[in-house]
Amino acid sequence: MVLARTAAGDLAVAYLPGDGAIEVDMTRLAPSLAGRWFDPVRGRYTLIATSIENKGIRRFVPPAKGDWVLILERK
């Protein structure tokens, strides 16, 4: 898994195939990001949080088994 982010850190995206989680160094991202999961099989979003601090390492675990896309973006 690889997290891709914009230079400003205001958008980050990671594809998680199958089961698993990802740890993200939030200090490399912009403050106060909104987070959500995208289910590419069903075409649905699941909200993680509307405001995520850019402090420390944060572990993101998909809401269910299967393929997921993690999206972190500035509000």
N, C-alpha and C. Protein backbone atom coordinates (compact mmCIF):
# COMPACT_ATOMS: atom_id res chain seq x y z
N MET A 1 0.84 -1.18 0.00
CA MET A 1 0.00 0.00 0.00
C MET A 1 0.88 1.24 0.00
N VAL A 2 0.44 2.21 -0.74
CA VAL A 2 1.16 3.47 -0.80
C VAL A 2 0.14 4.59 -0.68
N LEU A 3 0.48 5.59 0.11
CA LEU A 3 -0.37 6.76 0.24
C LEU A 3 0.20 7.83 -0.68
N ALA A 4 -0.60 8.35 -1.57
CA ALA A 4 -0.20 9.46 -2.44
C ALA A 4 -0.82 10.73 -1.88
N ARG A 5 -0.03 11.81 -1.89
CA ARG A 5 -0.56 13.08 -1.37
C ARG A 5 -0.11 14.22 -2.26
N THR A 6 -0.86 15.29 -2.21
CA THR A 6 -0.47 16.50 -2.94
C THR A 6 0.70 17.15 -2.21
N ALA A 7 1.42 18.02 -2.90
CA ALA A 7 2.57 18.70 -2.30
C ALA A 7 2.16 19.50 -1.06
N ALA A 8 1.00 20.10 -1.10
CA ALA A 8 0.51 20.90 0.04
C ALA A 8 -0.04 20.03 1.17
N GLY A 9 -0.25 18.74 0.91
CA GLY A 9 -0.79 17.85 1.93
C GLY A 9 -2.26 18.02 2.18
N ASP A 10 -2.97 18.68 1.24
CA ASP A 10 -4.40 18.90 1.45
C ASP A 10 -5.28 17.80 0.86
N LEU A 11 -4.66 16.81 0.24
CA LEU A 11 -5.37 15.64 -0.27
C LEU A 11 -4.42 14.45 -0.24
N ALA A 12 -4.90 13.34 0.29
CA ALA A 12 -4.13 12.10 0.32
C ALA A 12 -5.08 10.95 -0.01
N VAL A 13 -4.58 9.99 -0.79
CA VAL A 13 -5.40 8.86 -1.23
C VAL A 13 -4.56 7.58 -1.14
N ALA A 14 -5.18 6.51 -0.65
CA ALA A 14 -4.52 5.22 -0.59
C ALA A 14 -5.52 4.13 -0.98
N TYR A 15 -5.06 3.19 -1.80
CA TYR A 15 -5.89 2.04 -2.17
C TYR A 15 -5.45 0.86 -1.31
N LEU A 16 -6.40 0.24 -0.63
CA LEU A 16 -6.11 -0.91 0.21
C LEU A 16 -6.80 -2.14 -0.38
N PRO A 17 -6.04 -2.97 -1.10
CA PRO A 17 -6.63 -4.18 -1.67
C PRO A 17 -6.80 -5.26 -0.61
N GLY A 18 -7.93 -5.91 -0.60
CA GLY A 18 -8.17 -6.97 0.36
C GLY A 18 -8.26 -6.46 1.78
N ASP A 19 -7.95 -7.31 2.73
CA ASP A 19 -8.02 -6.93 4.14
C ASP A 19 -6.72 -6.26 4.56
N GLY A 20 -6.82 -5.31 5.44
CA GLY A 20 -5.62 -4.65 5.93
C GLY A 20 -5.93 -3.28 6.46
N ALA A 21 -4.90 -2.62 6.93
CA ALA A 21 -5.00 -1.27 7.47
C ALA A 21 -3.78 -0.51 7.00
N ILE A 22 -3.79 0.79 7.22
CA ILE A 22 -2.66 1.62 6.83
C ILE A 22 -2.37 2.61 7.95
N GLU A 23 -1.08 2.82 8.20
CA GLU A 23 -0.67 3.82 9.17
C GLU A 23 -0.17 5.04 8.40
N VAL A 24 -0.65 6.21 8.80
CA VAL A 24 -0.34 7.45 8.10
C VAL A 24 0.33 8.43 9.05
N ASP A 25 1.45 9.01 8.61
CA ASP A 25 2.11 10.06 9.37
C ASP A 25 1.34 11.35 9.11
N MET A 26 0.48 11.70 10.02
CA MET A 26 -0.41 12.84 9.83
C MET A 26 0.33 14.18 9.84
N THR A 27 1.55 14.22 10.38
CA THR A 27 2.32 15.47 10.41
C THR A 27 2.71 15.93 9.01
N ARG A 28 2.63 15.04 8.02
CA ARG A 28 2.97 15.38 6.65
C ARG A 28 1.77 15.90 5.86
N LEU A 29 0.63 16.00 6.55
CA LEU A 29 -0.60 16.44 5.90
C LEU A 29 -1.09 17.76 6.50
N ALA A 30 -1.99 18.40 5.79
CA ALA A 30 -2.56 19.68 6.24
C ALA A 30 -3.42 19.44 7.49
N PRO A 31 -3.60 20.48 8.30
CA PRO A 31 -4.45 20.34 9.49
C PRO A 31 -5.93 20.25 9.12
N SER A 32 -6.69 19.64 10.02
CA SER A 32 -8.14 19.58 9.92
C SER A 32 -8.63 18.97 8.61
N LEU A 33 -8.23 17.73 8.38
CA LEU A 33 -8.68 17.01 7.19
C LEU A 33 -9.95 16.24 7.49
N ALA A 34 -10.78 16.08 6.48
CA ALA A 34 -11.93 15.20 6.57
C ALA A 34 -11.48 13.84 6.02
N GLY A 35 -11.99 12.77 6.60
CA GLY A 35 -11.61 11.44 6.15
C GLY A 35 -12.82 10.61 5.79
N ARG A 36 -12.67 9.81 4.75
CA ARG A 36 -13.75 8.89 4.36
C ARG A 36 -13.17 7.71 3.62
N TRP A 37 -13.91 6.64 3.64
CA TRP A 37 -13.59 5.44 2.88
C TRP A 37 -14.47 5.39 1.65
N PHE A 38 -13.92 4.90 0.55
CA PHE A 38 -14.71 4.67 -0.65
C PHE A 38 -14.66 3.19 -0.97
N ASP A 39 -15.81 2.60 -1.16
CA ASP A 39 -15.95 1.19 -1.54
C ASP A 39 -16.07 1.15 -3.06
N PRO A 40 -15.00 0.77 -3.79
CA PRO A 40 -15.06 0.80 -5.26
C PRO A 40 -15.97 -0.27 -5.86
N VAL A 41 -16.30 -1.30 -5.11
CA VAL A 41 -17.18 -2.35 -5.61
C VAL A 41 -18.64 -1.88 -5.60
N ARG A 42 -19.05 -1.23 -4.52
CA ARG A 42 -20.44 -0.78 -4.38
C ARG A 42 -20.63 0.70 -4.72
N GLY A 43 -19.53 1.44 -4.87
CA GLY A 43 -19.63 2.85 -5.22
C GLY A 43 -20.18 3.71 -4.10
N ARG A 44 -19.85 3.37 -2.85
CA ARG A 44 -20.37 4.10 -1.70
C ARG A 44 -19.25 4.64 -0.81
N TYR A 45 -19.56 5.73 -0.11
CA TYR A 45 -18.62 6.35 0.83
C TYR A 45 -19.05 6.06 2.25
N THR A 46 -18.05 5.95 3.15
CA THR A 46 -18.29 5.82 4.58
C THR A 46 -17.45 6.87 5.28
N LEU A 47 -18.08 7.74 6.05
CA LEU A 47 -17.39 8.81 6.75
C LEU A 47 -16.51 8.25 7.87
N ILE A 48 -15.29 8.79 7.98
CA ILE A 48 -14.40 8.47 9.10
C ILE A 48 -14.54 9.57 10.14
N ALA A 49 -14.29 10.81 9.72
CA ALA A 49 -14.39 11.97 10.61
C ALA A 49 -14.40 13.23 9.77
N THR A 50 -15.00 14.28 10.29
CA THR A 50 -15.04 15.55 9.57
C THR A 50 -13.85 16.44 9.91
N SER A 51 -13.11 16.08 10.96
CA SER A 51 -11.93 16.86 11.33
C SER A 51 -10.91 15.94 11.98
N ILE A 52 -9.82 15.70 11.27
CA ILE A 52 -8.74 14.85 11.77
C ILE A 52 -7.50 15.71 11.95
N GLU A 53 -6.92 15.68 13.14
CA GLU A 53 -5.74 16.48 13.43
C GLU A 53 -4.52 15.94 12.70
N ASN A 54 -3.58 16.81 12.43
CA ASN A 54 -2.35 16.37 11.76
C ASN A 54 -1.24 16.19 12.80
N LYS A 55 -1.48 15.26 13.71
CA LYS A 55 -0.53 14.95 14.78
C LYS A 55 -0.24 13.45 14.81
N GLY A 56 1.03 13.10 14.84
CA GLY A 56 1.46 11.72 15.04
C GLY A 56 1.09 10.77 13.93
N ILE A 57 1.19 9.49 14.26
CA ILE A 57 0.87 8.39 13.34
C ILE A 57 -0.55 7.94 13.66
N ARG A 58 -1.36 7.81 12.63
CA ARG A 58 -2.75 7.35 12.83
C ARG A 58 -2.98 6.11 11.98
N ARG A 59 -3.61 5.13 12.57
CA ARG A 59 -3.93 3.88 11.88
C ARG A 59 -5.37 3.94 11.38
N PHE A 60 -5.54 3.67 10.10
CA PHE A 60 -6.86 3.66 9.49
C PHE A 60 -7.20 2.22 9.10
N VAL A 61 -8.34 1.74 9.59
CA VAL A 61 -8.80 0.38 9.33
C VAL A 61 -10.11 0.47 8.55
N PRO A 62 -10.19 -0.18 7.39
CA PRO A 62 -11.43 -0.14 6.61
C PRO A 62 -12.63 -0.65 7.41
N PRO A 63 -13.83 -0.19 7.08
CA PRO A 63 -15.02 -0.57 7.83
C PRO A 63 -15.49 -2.01 7.60
N ALA A 64 -14.98 -2.68 6.57
CA ALA A 64 -15.39 -4.05 6.28
C ALA A 64 -14.31 -4.70 5.41
N LYS A 65 -14.44 -6.00 5.20
CA LYS A 65 -13.51 -6.71 4.33
C LYS A 65 -13.69 -6.27 2.89
N GLY A 66 -12.64 -6.44 2.10
CA GLY A 66 -12.72 -6.10 0.68
C GLY A 66 -11.77 -4.97 0.33
N ASP A 67 -11.89 -4.47 -0.89
CA ASP A 67 -11.07 -3.38 -1.38
C ASP A 67 -11.65 -2.05 -0.94
N TRP A 68 -10.77 -1.12 -0.50
CA TRP A 68 -11.20 0.20 -0.05
C TRP A 68 -10.22 1.26 -0.49
N VAL A 69 -10.71 2.48 -0.63
CA VAL A 69 -9.87 3.63 -0.93
C VAL A 69 -10.01 4.61 0.23
N LEU A 70 -8.88 4.97 0.83
CA LEU A 70 -8.86 5.96 1.89
C LEU A 70 -8.69 7.33 1.27
N ILE A 71 -9.55 8.27 1.66
CA ILE A 71 -9.47 9.65 1.14
C ILE A 71 -9.40 10.60 2.32
N LEU A 72 -8.33 11.37 2.37
CA LEU A 72 -8.17 12.41 3.38
C LEU A 72 -8.06 13.73 2.63
N GLU A 73 -8.94 14.69 2.92
CA GLU A 73 -8.92 15.94 2.17
C GLU A 73 -9.29 17.11 3.06
N ARG A 74 -8.71 18.25 2.70
CA ARG A 74 -8.99 19.48 3.45
C ARG A 74 -10.45 19.85 3.26
N LYS A 75 -11.08 20.29 4.36
CA LYS A 75 -12.48 20.67 4.31
C LYS A 75 -12.67 21.96 3.56
